[in-house]
Amino acid sequence: MILALGALEIYVGTQILELHERGRSIGIVLAAVSAFFNLLFLFQRPFSGVIGLAIDAFIVYALVTNAEAFTP
């Protein structure tokens, strides 16, 4: 499962670097899911949970605000 998720993240990363809309959409979903899990585990590991949540929020913000740069 973790290997498949890592492969998906690599695929999405390459799609984002090539400015494809498909990569942006999947990237937003992956960052939102990661943020959700960081919220779930926030009390078990507070420091890394907050850092992970901030990174995920930045990823979502960057992908949403720069939507015009991506090609459909």
N, C-alpha and C. Protein backbone atom coordinates (compact mmCIF):
# COMPACT_ATOMS: atom_id res chain seq x y z
N MET A 1 0.83 -1.20 0.00
CA MET A 1 0.00 0.00 0.00
C MET A 1 0.87 1.26 0.00
N ILE A 2 1.89 1.27 0.85
CA ILE A 2 2.76 2.45 0.93
C ILE A 2 3.55 2.60 -0.36
N LEU A 3 3.95 1.49 -0.96
CA LEU A 3 4.70 1.55 -2.21
C LEU A 3 3.82 2.12 -3.33
N ALA A 4 2.56 1.73 -3.36
CA ALA A 4 1.64 2.25 -4.37
C ALA A 4 1.40 3.75 -4.17
N LEU A 5 1.27 4.17 -2.93
CA LEU A 5 1.09 5.58 -2.64
C LEU A 5 2.32 6.38 -3.05
N GLY A 6 3.49 5.85 -2.78
CA GLY A 6 4.73 6.52 -3.20
C GLY A 6 4.83 6.63 -4.71
N ALA A 7 4.43 5.58 -5.41
CA ALA A 7 4.45 5.61 -6.88
C ALA A 7 3.45 6.65 -7.40
N LEU A 8 2.29 6.74 -6.77
CA LEU A 8 1.29 7.73 -7.16
C LEU A 8 1.82 9.14 -6.92
N GLU A 9 2.50 9.35 -5.80
CA GLU A 9 3.06 10.67 -5.51
C GLU A 9 4.14 11.05 -6.51
N ILE A 10 4.96 10.11 -6.93
CA ILE A 10 5.97 10.39 -7.96
C ILE A 10 5.30 10.74 -9.27
N TYR A 11 4.27 9.99 -9.64
CA TYR A 11 3.53 10.28 -10.87
C TYR A 11 2.91 11.67 -10.82
N VAL A 12 2.27 11.99 -9.72
CA VAL A 12 1.63 13.30 -9.58
C VAL A 12 2.68 14.41 -9.61
N GLY A 13 3.81 14.19 -8.96
CA GLY A 13 4.88 15.18 -8.98
C GLY A 13 5.38 15.48 -10.37
N THR A 14 5.56 14.44 -11.18
CA THR A 14 6.00 14.66 -12.56
C THR A 14 4.93 15.37 -13.37
N GLN A 15 3.67 15.04 -13.13
CA GLN A 15 2.58 15.71 -13.84
C GLN A 15 2.50 17.19 -13.46
N ILE A 16 2.73 17.49 -12.19
CA ILE A 16 2.71 18.88 -11.74
C ILE A 16 3.89 19.65 -12.35
N LEU A 17 5.06 19.04 -12.38
CA LEU A 17 6.22 19.70 -12.97
C LEU A 17 6.03 19.97 -14.46
N GLU A 18 5.24 19.13 -15.13
CA GLU A 18 4.94 19.33 -16.54
C GLU A 18 3.70 20.20 -16.73
N LEU A 19 3.13 20.69 -15.64
CA LEU A 19 1.97 21.60 -15.62
C LEU A 19 0.73 21.00 -16.28
N HIS A 20 0.45 19.74 -15.96
CA HIS A 20 -0.77 19.08 -16.44
C HIS A 20 -1.87 19.21 -15.40
N GLU A 21 -3.07 19.50 -15.86
CA GLU A 21 -4.21 19.68 -14.96
C GLU A 21 -4.50 18.41 -14.17
N ARG A 22 -4.31 17.27 -14.78
CA ARG A 22 -4.56 15.99 -14.10
C ARG A 22 -3.70 15.87 -12.85
N GLY A 23 -2.43 16.23 -12.94
CA GLY A 23 -1.54 16.18 -11.79
C GLY A 23 -1.95 17.15 -10.71
N ARG A 24 -2.40 18.35 -11.11
CA ARG A 24 -2.84 19.35 -10.14
C ARG A 24 -4.05 18.84 -9.37
N SER A 25 -5.00 18.25 -10.06
CA SER A 25 -6.21 17.75 -9.40
C SER A 25 -5.90 16.63 -8.42
N ILE A 26 -5.11 15.68 -8.87
CA ILE A 26 -4.76 14.56 -7.99
C ILE A 26 -3.89 15.05 -6.84
N GLY A 27 -3.02 16.02 -7.09
CA GLY A 27 -2.17 16.59 -6.05
C GLY A 27 -2.98 17.25 -4.94
N ILE A 28 -4.03 17.96 -5.32
CA ILE A 28 -4.91 18.58 -4.33
C ILE A 28 -5.58 17.51 -3.47
N VAL A 29 -6.04 16.46 -4.10
CA VAL A 29 -6.71 15.38 -3.37
C VAL A 29 -5.72 14.68 -2.43
N LEU A 30 -4.52 14.39 -2.91
CA LEU A 30 -3.52 13.73 -2.06
C LEU A 30 -3.13 14.60 -0.87
N ALA A 31 -2.96 15.90 -1.10
CA ALA A 31 -2.60 16.79 0.00
C ALA A 31 -3.75 16.91 0.99
N ALA A 32 -4.98 16.93 0.52
CA ALA A 32 -6.13 17.01 1.42
C ALA A 32 -6.27 15.74 2.26
N VAL A 33 -6.04 14.59 1.66
CA VAL A 33 -6.10 13.32 2.40
C VAL A 33 -4.98 13.28 3.44
N SER A 34 -3.79 13.72 3.05
CA SER A 34 -2.68 13.76 3.99
C SER A 34 -2.97 14.71 5.15
N ALA A 35 -3.58 15.86 4.85
CA ALA A 35 -3.94 16.81 5.90
C ALA A 35 -4.96 16.20 6.86
N PHE A 36 -5.91 15.45 6.32
CA PHE A 36 -6.90 14.79 7.15
C PHE A 36 -6.24 13.81 8.12
N PHE A 37 -5.28 13.01 7.62
CA PHE A 37 -4.60 12.07 8.49
C PHE A 37 -3.70 12.77 9.49
N ASN A 38 -3.12 13.90 9.11
CA ASN A 38 -2.34 14.68 10.06
C ASN A 38 -3.23 15.22 11.17
N LEU A 39 -4.45 15.59 10.85
CA LEU A 39 -5.39 16.04 11.88
C LEU A 39 -5.76 14.91 12.83
N LEU A 40 -5.93 13.71 12.27
CA LEU A 40 -6.29 12.56 13.11
C LEU A 40 -5.19 12.23 14.12
N PHE A 41 -3.95 12.34 13.70
CA PHE A 41 -2.83 11.98 14.55
C PHE A 41 -2.19 13.17 15.23
N LEU A 42 -2.87 14.30 15.25
CA LEU A 42 -2.30 15.52 15.80
C LEU A 42 -1.97 15.39 17.28
N PHE A 43 -2.77 14.68 18.05
CA PHE A 43 -2.54 14.56 19.48
C PHE A 43 -1.50 13.50 19.82
N GLN A 44 -1.28 12.55 18.91
CA GLN A 44 -0.27 11.53 19.16
C GLN A 44 1.13 12.04 18.86
N ARG A 45 1.26 12.84 17.85
CA ARG A 45 2.56 13.42 17.47
C ARG A 45 2.35 14.88 17.10
N PRO A 46 2.25 15.74 18.09
CA PRO A 46 1.86 17.13 17.84
C PRO A 46 2.82 17.92 16.96
N PHE A 47 4.12 17.80 17.18
CA PHE A 47 5.05 18.62 16.41
C PHE A 47 5.04 18.25 14.94
N SER A 48 5.23 16.97 14.63
CA SER A 48 5.25 16.56 13.23
C SER A 48 3.88 16.67 12.59
N GLY A 49 2.82 16.55 13.38
CA GLY A 49 1.48 16.73 12.85
C GLY A 49 1.22 18.16 12.39
N VAL A 50 1.69 19.11 13.18
CA VAL A 50 1.51 20.53 12.81
C VAL A 50 2.35 20.86 11.59
N ILE A 51 3.58 20.37 11.55
CA ILE A 51 4.45 20.62 10.39
C ILE A 51 3.84 20.00 9.13
N GLY A 52 3.39 18.76 9.23
CA GLY A 52 2.77 18.10 8.09
C GLY A 52 1.51 18.80 7.63
N LEU A 53 0.73 19.27 8.59
CA LEU A 53 -0.50 19.99 8.26
C LEU A 53 -0.18 21.31 7.54
N ALA A 54 0.85 22.00 8.00
CA ALA A 54 1.26 23.26 7.35
C ALA A 54 1.76 23.00 5.93
N ILE A 55 2.52 21.95 5.74
CA ILE A 55 3.01 21.61 4.40
C ILE A 55 1.85 21.27 3.47
N ASP A 56 0.92 20.46 3.95
CA ASP A 56 -0.24 20.09 3.14
C ASP A 56 -1.10 21.30 2.80
N ALA A 57 -1.28 22.20 3.76
CA ALA A 57 -2.06 23.41 3.50
C ALA A 57 -1.37 24.28 2.45
N PHE A 58 -0.04 24.37 2.51
CA PHE A 58 0.69 25.14 1.51
C PHE A 58 0.56 24.52 0.13
N ILE A 59 0.63 23.19 0.05
CA ILE A 59 0.49 22.51 -1.23
C ILE A 59 -0.88 22.78 -1.84
N VAL A 60 -1.92 22.64 -1.04
CA VAL A 60 -3.28 22.91 -1.55
C VAL A 60 -3.40 24.36 -1.99
N TYR A 61 -2.90 25.28 -1.17
CA TYR A 61 -2.96 26.70 -1.51
C TYR A 61 -2.23 26.99 -2.83
N ALA A 62 -1.03 26.45 -2.97
CA ALA A 62 -0.24 26.70 -4.18
C ALA A 62 -0.90 26.12 -5.42
N LEU A 63 -1.46 24.93 -5.30
CA LEU A 63 -2.09 24.32 -6.47
C LEU A 63 -3.41 24.99 -6.83
N VAL A 64 -4.13 25.47 -5.85
CA VAL A 64 -5.42 26.12 -6.13
C VAL A 64 -5.21 27.53 -6.69
N THR A 65 -4.29 28.29 -6.14
CA THR A 65 -4.12 29.68 -6.57
C THR A 65 -3.40 29.79 -7.92
N ASN A 66 -2.68 28.77 -8.34
CA ASN A 66 -1.97 28.82 -9.60
C ASN A 66 -2.61 27.93 -10.67
N ALA A 67 -3.91 27.80 -10.62
CA ALA A 67 -4.63 26.92 -11.53
C ALA A 67 -4.48 27.36 -12.99
N GLU A 68 -4.33 28.65 -13.23
CA GLU A 68 -4.26 29.15 -14.61
C GLU A 68 -2.96 28.72 -15.32
N ALA A 69 -1.96 28.31 -14.58
CA ALA A 69 -0.69 27.90 -15.18
C ALA A 69 -0.75 26.49 -15.75
N PHE A 70 -1.75 25.71 -15.36
CA PHE A 70 -1.84 24.31 -15.78
C PHE A 70 -2.68 24.18 -17.04
N THR A 71 -2.26 23.28 -17.93
CA THR A 71 -2.99 23.03 -19.17
C THR A 71 -3.97 21.89 -18.96
N PRO A 72 -5.14 21.98 -19.58
CA PRO A 72 -6.12 20.88 -19.43
C PRO A 72 -5.72 19.62 -20.15
